[in-house]
């Protein structure tokens, strides 16, 4: 969208509020799942959990916590980051970033090489699936 449209969309959005770690920790269930990513607090509704490619359990096990490292370890795509931006309701209390009230989850290229995500950790899910498949093959072999 054009800058004017984007600005009007941002101003129509609900104002973000500072959220303490204690408040974040209260929202740790599937029916009330919040998490922090890059200092931003996301309120993740049931339809998001149901549509998440990893399933609701992957997300709800991190509900109520700062999930930045886990989020980056998976190397989420830019489209996943854009999707997550729709659910920002606030920012972690004490965050001193100037743009925290308008900040979005950084694009993959912005965090690559800063110690978050990428590297061997990006292949971990594939390795786990492979191991489970091999074990299942031998366990269920008739």
N, C-alpha and C. Protein backbone atom coordinates (compact mmCIF):
# COMPACT_ATOMS: atom_id res chain seq x y z
N UNK A 1 0.82 -1.19 0.00
CA UNK A 1 0.00 0.00 0.00
C UNK A 1 0.86 1.25 0.00
N UNK A 2 0.25 2.32 -0.42
CA UNK A 2 0.97 3.59 -0.46
C UNK A 2 1.25 4.05 0.97
N UNK A 3 2.23 4.95 1.16
CA UNK A 3 2.53 5.45 2.51
C UNK A 3 1.31 6.06 3.19
N UNK A 4 0.46 6.76 2.42
CA UNK A 4 -0.72 7.39 3.01
C UNK A 4 -1.69 6.33 3.54
N UNK A 5 -1.89 5.27 2.75
CA UNK A 5 -2.79 4.19 3.18
C UNK A 5 -2.21 3.49 4.39
N UNK A 6 -0.91 3.22 4.35
CA UNK A 6 -0.26 2.54 5.47
C UNK A 6 -0.37 3.37 6.75
N UNK A 7 -0.15 4.68 6.64
CA UNK A 7 -0.25 5.56 7.80
C UNK A 7 -1.66 5.55 8.36
N UNK A 8 -2.66 5.63 7.48
CA UNK A 8 -4.04 5.64 7.97
C UNK A 8 -4.38 4.31 8.63
N UNK A 9 -3.85 3.21 8.09
CA UNK A 9 -4.10 1.90 8.71
C UNK A 9 -3.47 1.83 10.09
N UNK A 10 -2.27 2.40 10.22
CA UNK A 10 -1.59 2.38 11.52
C UNK A 10 -2.34 3.24 12.54
N UNK A 11 -2.87 4.37 12.10
CA UNK A 11 -3.55 5.24 13.05
C UNK A 11 -4.89 4.66 13.45
N UNK A 12 -5.50 3.85 12.58
CA UNK A 12 -6.77 3.23 12.93
C UNK A 12 -6.56 2.03 13.86
N UNK A 13 -5.35 1.49 13.85
CA UNK A 13 -5.07 0.34 14.68
C UNK A 13 -5.15 0.72 16.15
N UNK A 14 -5.47 -0.26 16.96
CA UNK A 14 -5.57 -0.03 18.39
C UNK A 14 -4.20 0.38 18.95
N UNK A 15 -4.20 1.35 19.83
CA UNK A 15 -2.94 1.82 20.40
C UNK A 15 -2.30 0.71 21.25
N UNK A 16 -1.01 0.54 21.07
CA UNK A 16 -0.27 -0.47 21.81
C UNK A 16 -0.02 0.00 23.23
N UNK A 17 0.01 -0.96 24.14
CA UNK A 17 0.28 -0.62 25.54
C UNK A 17 1.47 -1.41 26.05
N UNK A 18 2.10 -0.88 27.08
CA UNK A 18 3.21 -1.58 27.73
C UNK A 18 2.64 -2.75 28.52
N UNK A 19 3.27 -3.92 28.39
CA UNK A 19 2.81 -5.14 29.06
C UNK A 19 3.98 -5.74 29.83
N UNK A 20 3.76 -6.00 31.10
CA UNK A 20 4.82 -6.56 31.94
C UNK A 20 4.97 -8.06 31.65
N UNK A 21 6.11 -8.62 32.02
CA UNK A 21 6.33 -10.06 31.89
C UNK A 21 5.33 -10.83 32.74
N UNK A 22 4.95 -10.25 33.89
CA UNK A 22 3.97 -10.90 34.76
C UNK A 22 2.60 -10.99 34.07
N UNK A 23 2.21 -9.91 33.39
CA UNK A 23 0.93 -9.92 32.65
C UNK A 23 1.01 -10.90 31.48
N UNK A 24 2.11 -10.87 30.77
CA UNK A 24 2.30 -11.79 29.65
C UNK A 24 2.16 -13.24 30.11
N UNK A 25 2.75 -13.57 31.25
CA UNK A 25 2.74 -14.94 31.77
C UNK A 25 1.33 -15.45 32.08
N UNK A 26 0.38 -14.55 32.32
CA UNK A 26 -1.00 -14.95 32.62
C UNK A 26 -1.72 -15.51 31.39
N UNK A 27 -1.22 -15.20 30.22
CA UNK A 27 -1.88 -15.57 28.96
C UNK A 27 -1.16 -16.76 28.33
N UNK A 28 -1.27 -17.91 28.98
CA UNK A 28 -0.47 -19.07 28.61
C UNK A 28 -1.30 -20.31 28.23
N UNK A 29 -2.52 -20.07 27.75
CA UNK A 29 -3.40 -21.18 27.40
C UNK A 29 -3.84 -21.05 25.94
N UNK A 30 -4.28 -22.16 25.37
CA UNK A 30 -4.70 -22.15 23.97
C UNK A 30 -5.82 -21.14 23.73
N UNK A 31 -6.75 -21.03 24.68
CA UNK A 31 -7.87 -20.10 24.50
C UNK A 31 -7.50 -18.65 24.85
N UNK A 32 -6.29 -18.44 25.35
CA UNK A 32 -5.82 -17.10 25.71
C UNK A 32 -4.30 -17.09 25.58
N UNK A 33 -3.83 -17.06 24.34
CA UNK A 33 -2.39 -17.22 24.07
C UNK A 33 -1.75 -15.91 23.63
N UNK A 34 -0.86 -15.40 24.48
CA UNK A 34 -0.05 -14.24 24.13
C UNK A 34 1.40 -14.70 24.13
N UNK A 35 2.22 -14.06 23.31
CA UNK A 35 3.67 -14.29 23.37
C UNK A 35 4.38 -13.03 22.93
N UNK A 36 5.61 -12.91 23.34
CA UNK A 36 6.43 -11.77 22.95
C UNK A 36 7.43 -12.22 21.89
N UNK A 37 7.60 -11.39 20.87
CA UNK A 37 8.58 -11.64 19.82
C UNK A 37 9.22 -10.29 19.49
N UNK A 38 10.52 -10.20 19.66
CA UNK A 38 11.26 -8.96 19.39
C UNK A 38 10.70 -7.78 20.18
N UNK A 39 10.30 -8.02 21.43
CA UNK A 39 9.81 -6.96 22.29
C UNK A 39 8.36 -6.59 22.06
N UNK A 40 7.71 -7.22 21.09
CA UNK A 40 6.31 -6.97 20.79
C UNK A 40 5.45 -8.10 21.35
N UNK A 41 4.29 -7.75 21.87
CA UNK A 41 3.40 -8.76 22.45
C UNK A 41 2.28 -9.05 21.45
N UNK A 42 2.10 -10.34 21.17
CA UNK A 42 1.10 -10.80 20.22
C UNK A 42 -0.02 -11.52 20.97
N UNK A 43 -1.26 -11.24 20.60
CA UNK A 43 -2.43 -11.95 21.13
C UNK A 43 -2.87 -12.87 20.01
N UNK A 44 -2.67 -14.17 20.17
CA UNK A 44 -2.88 -15.13 19.09
C UNK A 44 -4.22 -15.85 19.26
N UNK A 45 -5.19 -15.51 18.41
CA UNK A 45 -6.53 -16.10 18.53
C UNK A 45 -6.56 -17.55 18.05
N UNK A 46 -7.66 -18.22 18.36
CA UNK A 46 -7.82 -19.64 18.02
C UNK A 46 -7.67 -19.88 16.52
N UNK A 47 -8.22 -19.00 15.68
CA UNK A 47 -8.11 -19.23 14.24
C UNK A 47 -6.65 -19.18 13.78
N UNK A 48 -5.84 -18.34 14.43
CA UNK A 48 -4.41 -18.32 14.12
C UNK A 48 -3.78 -19.65 14.52
N UNK A 49 -4.09 -20.10 15.73
CA UNK A 49 -3.51 -21.36 16.21
C UNK A 49 -3.89 -22.53 15.30
N UNK A 50 -5.16 -22.55 14.87
CA UNK A 50 -5.63 -23.63 14.01
C UNK A 50 -4.97 -23.60 12.63
N UNK A 51 -4.65 -22.40 12.13
CA UNK A 51 -4.05 -22.26 10.81
C UNK A 51 -2.53 -22.33 10.84
N UNK A 52 -1.92 -22.26 12.01
CA UNK A 52 -0.46 -22.27 12.10
C UNK A 52 0.06 -23.60 11.53
N UNK A 53 1.03 -23.53 10.60
CA UNK A 53 1.53 -24.75 9.96
C UNK A 53 2.07 -25.80 10.94
N UNK A 54 2.60 -25.37 12.06
CA UNK A 54 3.11 -26.31 13.06
C UNK A 54 2.05 -26.82 14.00
N UNK A 55 0.83 -26.30 13.87
CA UNK A 55 -0.27 -26.71 14.74
C UNK A 55 -0.31 -25.87 16.00
N UNK A 56 -1.42 -25.95 16.73
CA UNK A 56 -1.59 -25.12 17.93
C UNK A 56 -0.62 -25.44 19.05
N UNK A 57 -0.22 -26.70 19.19
CA UNK A 57 0.66 -27.08 20.31
C UNK A 57 2.02 -26.40 20.23
N UNK A 58 2.53 -26.23 19.03
CA UNK A 58 3.83 -25.59 18.84
C UNK A 58 3.79 -24.17 19.38
N UNK A 59 2.67 -23.50 19.16
CA UNK A 59 2.53 -22.11 19.60
C UNK A 59 2.19 -22.04 21.08
N UNK A 60 1.23 -22.85 21.53
CA UNK A 60 0.78 -22.73 22.92
C UNK A 60 1.84 -23.14 23.94
N UNK A 61 2.80 -23.96 23.53
CA UNK A 61 3.87 -24.30 24.50
C UNK A 61 4.75 -23.08 24.78
N UNK A 62 4.67 -22.05 23.94
CA UNK A 62 5.43 -20.82 24.16
C UNK A 62 4.56 -19.66 24.64
N UNK A 63 3.26 -19.92 24.79
CA UNK A 63 2.34 -18.87 25.24
C UNK A 63 2.72 -18.38 26.62
N UNK A 64 2.64 -17.07 26.81
CA UNK A 64 2.98 -16.47 28.09
C UNK A 64 4.46 -16.20 28.27
N UNK A 65 5.24 -16.38 27.21
CA UNK A 65 6.70 -16.25 27.30
C UNK A 65 7.24 -15.35 26.19
N UNK A 66 8.52 -15.01 26.33
CA UNK A 66 9.24 -14.34 25.25
C UNK A 66 9.72 -15.45 24.32
N UNK A 67 9.17 -15.50 23.13
CA UNK A 67 9.46 -16.58 22.18
C UNK A 67 10.39 -16.13 21.05
N UNK A 68 11.10 -15.02 21.24
CA UNK A 68 11.93 -14.48 20.17
C UNK A 68 12.93 -15.50 19.66
N UNK A 69 13.67 -16.14 20.54
CA UNK A 69 14.71 -17.08 20.10
C UNK A 69 14.09 -18.26 19.36
N UNK A 70 12.99 -18.80 19.88
CA UNK A 70 12.32 -19.92 19.21
C UNK A 70 11.80 -19.49 17.84
N UNK A 71 11.22 -18.30 17.76
CA UNK A 71 10.70 -17.76 16.50
C UNK A 71 11.82 -17.65 15.47
N UNK A 72 12.97 -17.15 15.88
CA UNK A 72 14.09 -16.99 14.96
C UNK A 72 14.79 -18.31 14.65
N UNK A 73 14.81 -19.24 15.59
CA UNK A 73 15.44 -20.54 15.34
C UNK A 73 14.74 -21.29 14.20
N UNK A 74 13.46 -21.03 14.02
CA UNK A 74 12.71 -21.68 12.95
C UNK A 74 12.93 -20.97 11.62
N UNK A 75 13.49 -19.77 11.64
CA UNK A 75 13.71 -18.96 10.43
C UNK A 75 12.40 -18.71 9.69
N UNK A 76 11.42 -18.15 10.41
CA UNK A 76 10.12 -17.85 9.80
C UNK A 76 10.29 -16.98 8.55
N UNK A 77 9.45 -17.22 7.57
CA UNK A 77 9.47 -16.45 6.32
C UNK A 77 8.96 -15.04 6.58
N UNK A 78 9.19 -14.16 5.62
CA UNK A 78 8.68 -12.79 5.74
C UNK A 78 7.15 -12.78 5.71
N UNK A 79 6.53 -13.69 4.98
CA UNK A 79 5.05 -13.71 4.98
C UNK A 79 4.52 -14.15 6.34
N UNK A 80 5.22 -15.05 7.02
CA UNK A 80 4.82 -15.45 8.38
C UNK A 80 4.97 -14.27 9.34
N UNK A 81 6.02 -13.48 9.15
CA UNK A 81 6.25 -12.30 9.99
C UNK A 81 5.15 -11.27 9.76
N UNK A 82 4.76 -11.08 8.49
CA UNK A 82 3.67 -10.15 8.18
C UNK A 82 2.36 -10.64 8.81
N UNK A 83 2.12 -11.94 8.76
CA UNK A 83 0.92 -12.53 9.36
C UNK A 83 0.91 -12.26 10.86
N UNK A 84 2.04 -12.48 11.51
CA UNK A 84 2.14 -12.28 12.96
C UNK A 84 1.93 -10.81 13.35
N UNK A 85 2.34 -9.89 12.48
CA UNK A 85 2.19 -8.46 12.78
C UNK A 85 0.74 -8.07 13.01
N UNK A 86 -0.19 -8.79 12.45
CA UNK A 86 -1.62 -8.49 12.60
C UNK A 86 -2.09 -8.66 14.04
N UNK A 87 -1.32 -9.39 14.85
CA UNK A 87 -1.76 -9.74 16.19
C UNK A 87 -1.03 -8.97 17.30
N UNK A 88 -0.28 -7.93 16.94
CA UNK A 88 0.45 -7.14 17.93
C UNK A 88 -0.55 -6.32 18.75
N UNK A 89 -0.49 -6.48 20.08
CA UNK A 89 -1.37 -5.71 20.97
C UNK A 89 -0.58 -4.79 21.91
N UNK A 90 0.71 -4.99 21.98
CA UNK A 90 1.50 -4.17 22.88
C UNK A 90 2.98 -4.47 22.76
N UNK A 91 3.72 -4.00 23.74
CA UNK A 91 5.17 -4.20 23.76
C UNK A 91 5.58 -4.47 25.20
N UNK A 92 6.71 -5.14 25.35
CA UNK A 92 7.18 -5.48 26.69
C UNK A 92 7.58 -4.22 27.45
N UNK A 93 7.09 -4.13 28.67
CA UNK A 93 7.39 -3.01 29.55
C UNK A 93 8.90 -2.85 29.69
N UNK A 94 9.36 -1.61 29.68
CA UNK A 94 10.78 -1.34 29.83
C UNK A 94 11.52 -1.29 28.51
N UNK A 95 10.82 -1.56 27.41
CA UNK A 95 11.46 -1.50 26.10
C UNK A 95 11.74 -0.05 25.77
N UNK A 96 12.98 0.26 25.47
CA UNK A 96 13.39 1.65 25.26
C UNK A 96 13.47 2.05 23.80
N UNK A 97 13.07 1.15 22.88
CA UNK A 97 13.15 1.48 21.47
C UNK A 97 12.22 2.64 21.14
N UNK A 98 12.73 3.61 20.37
CA UNK A 98 11.95 4.80 20.01
C UNK A 98 10.68 4.45 19.25
N UNK A 99 10.78 3.49 18.35
CA UNK A 99 9.67 3.17 17.46
C UNK A 99 8.78 2.02 17.96
N UNK A 100 8.86 1.68 19.23
CA UNK A 100 8.17 0.50 19.74
C UNK A 100 6.66 0.55 19.52
N UNK A 101 6.09 1.74 19.47
CA UNK A 101 4.63 1.85 19.29
C UNK A 101 4.20 1.65 17.83
N UNK A 102 5.15 1.65 16.92
CA UNK A 102 4.82 1.40 15.50
C UNK A 102 5.67 0.28 14.91
N UNK A 103 6.61 -0.25 15.67
CA UNK A 103 7.52 -1.29 15.20
C UNK A 103 6.75 -2.53 14.77
N UNK A 104 7.27 -3.21 13.77
CA UNK A 104 6.74 -4.49 13.33
C UNK A 104 7.82 -5.54 13.56
N UNK A 105 7.44 -6.80 13.48
CA UNK A 105 8.43 -7.87 13.60
C UNK A 105 9.40 -7.72 12.43
N UNK A 106 10.70 -7.71 12.72
CA UNK A 106 11.68 -7.48 11.65
C UNK A 106 11.64 -8.59 10.59
N UNK A 107 11.94 -8.20 9.37
CA UNK A 107 12.04 -9.16 8.26
C UNK A 107 13.22 -10.09 8.50
N UNK A 108 13.20 -11.23 7.85
CA UNK A 108 14.25 -12.23 8.04
C UNK A 108 15.64 -11.65 7.77
N UNK A 109 15.78 -10.87 6.70
CA UNK A 109 17.08 -10.30 6.34
C UNK A 109 17.59 -9.33 7.40
N UNK A 110 16.67 -8.70 8.14
CA UNK A 110 17.07 -7.74 9.17
C UNK A 110 17.68 -8.43 10.39
N UNK A 111 17.32 -9.67 10.64
CA UNK A 111 17.85 -10.37 11.82
C UNK A 111 18.91 -11.40 11.46
N UNK A 112 19.00 -11.77 10.18
CA UNK A 112 20.01 -12.74 9.75
C UNK A 112 21.39 -12.18 10.03
N UNK A 113 22.23 -12.99 10.61
CA UNK A 113 23.58 -12.55 10.91
C UNK A 113 23.70 -11.80 12.23
N UNK A 114 22.58 -11.64 12.96
CA UNK A 114 22.63 -10.95 14.25
C UNK A 114 22.56 -11.97 15.40
N UNK A 115 22.83 -13.22 15.08
CA UNK A 115 22.83 -14.24 16.12
C UNK A 115 21.49 -14.91 16.31
N UNK A 116 20.45 -14.45 15.65
CA UNK A 116 19.14 -15.08 15.79
C UNK A 116 18.79 -15.84 14.54
N UNK A 117 18.42 -17.08 14.69
CA UNK A 117 17.93 -17.89 13.58
C UNK A 117 19.03 -18.27 12.61
N UNK A 118 18.62 -19.00 11.59
CA UNK A 118 19.55 -19.42 10.56
C UNK A 118 20.50 -20.48 11.08
N UNK A 119 21.55 -20.73 10.33
CA UNK A 119 22.55 -21.70 10.73
C UNK A 119 21.97 -23.10 10.82
N UNK A 120 22.62 -23.93 11.60
CA UNK A 120 22.20 -25.32 11.74
C UNK A 120 20.83 -25.44 12.38
N UNK A 121 20.46 -24.49 13.22
CA UNK A 121 19.17 -24.56 13.90
C UNK A 121 18.00 -24.52 12.92
N UNK A 122 18.22 -23.96 11.74
CA UNK A 122 17.16 -23.89 10.74
C UNK A 122 16.79 -25.28 10.24
N UNK A 123 17.71 -26.23 10.33
CA UNK A 123 17.46 -27.58 9.84
C UNK A 123 16.95 -28.51 10.93
N UNK A 124 16.90 -28.06 12.16
CA UNK A 124 16.49 -28.90 13.28
C UNK A 124 15.11 -29.54 13.08
N UNK A 125 14.08 -28.78 12.67
CA UNK A 125 12.77 -29.43 12.48
C UNK A 125 12.82 -30.57 11.47
N UNK A 126 13.56 -30.39 10.38
CA UNK A 126 13.66 -31.44 9.37
C UNK A 126 14.38 -32.67 9.93
N UNK A 127 15.40 -32.47 10.72
CA UNK A 127 16.14 -33.57 11.33
C UNK A 127 15.23 -34.34 12.30
N UNK A 128 14.48 -33.62 13.11
CA UNK A 128 13.57 -34.25 14.07
C UNK A 128 12.53 -35.08 13.33
N UNK A 129 11.93 -34.54 12.27
CA UNK A 129 10.93 -35.27 11.49
C UNK A 129 11.56 -36.53 10.89
N UNK A 130 12.77 -36.42 10.38
CA UNK A 130 13.46 -37.57 9.82
C UNK A 130 13.70 -38.66 10.84
N UNK A 131 14.14 -38.28 12.01
CA UNK A 131 14.39 -39.26 13.07
C UNK A 131 13.09 -39.96 13.48
N UNK A 132 12.03 -39.17 13.65
CA UNK A 132 10.73 -39.74 14.02
C UNK A 132 10.25 -40.72 12.94
N UNK A 133 10.43 -40.36 11.68
CA UNK A 133 10.01 -41.23 10.58
C UNK A 133 10.77 -42.55 10.60
N UNK A 134 12.08 -42.51 10.82
CA UNK A 134 12.88 -43.72 10.86
C UNK A 134 12.47 -44.61 12.04
N UNK A 135 12.30 -44.00 13.20
CA UNK A 135 11.89 -44.76 14.39
C UNK A 135 10.50 -45.38 14.16
N UNK A 136 9.57 -44.60 13.61
CA UNK A 136 8.23 -45.11 13.34
C UNK A 136 8.28 -46.26 12.35
N UNK A 137 9.14 -46.18 11.35
CA UNK A 137 9.26 -47.26 10.37
C UNK A 137 9.64 -48.57 11.04
N UNK A 138 10.64 -48.52 11.92
CA UNK A 138 11.10 -49.75 12.57
C UNK A 138 10.13 -50.23 13.65
N UNK A 139 9.48 -49.32 14.33
CA UNK A 139 8.54 -49.71 15.40
C UNK A 139 7.29 -50.35 14.82
N UNK A 140 6.77 -49.79 13.73
CA UNK A 140 5.52 -50.26 13.16
C UNK A 140 5.70 -51.24 12.00
N UNK A 141 6.93 -51.64 11.72
CA UNK A 141 7.20 -52.59 10.65
C UNK A 141 6.59 -53.94 11.03
N UNK A 142 5.90 -54.51 10.11
CA UNK A 142 5.20 -55.78 10.40
C UNK A 142 6.04 -56.96 10.06
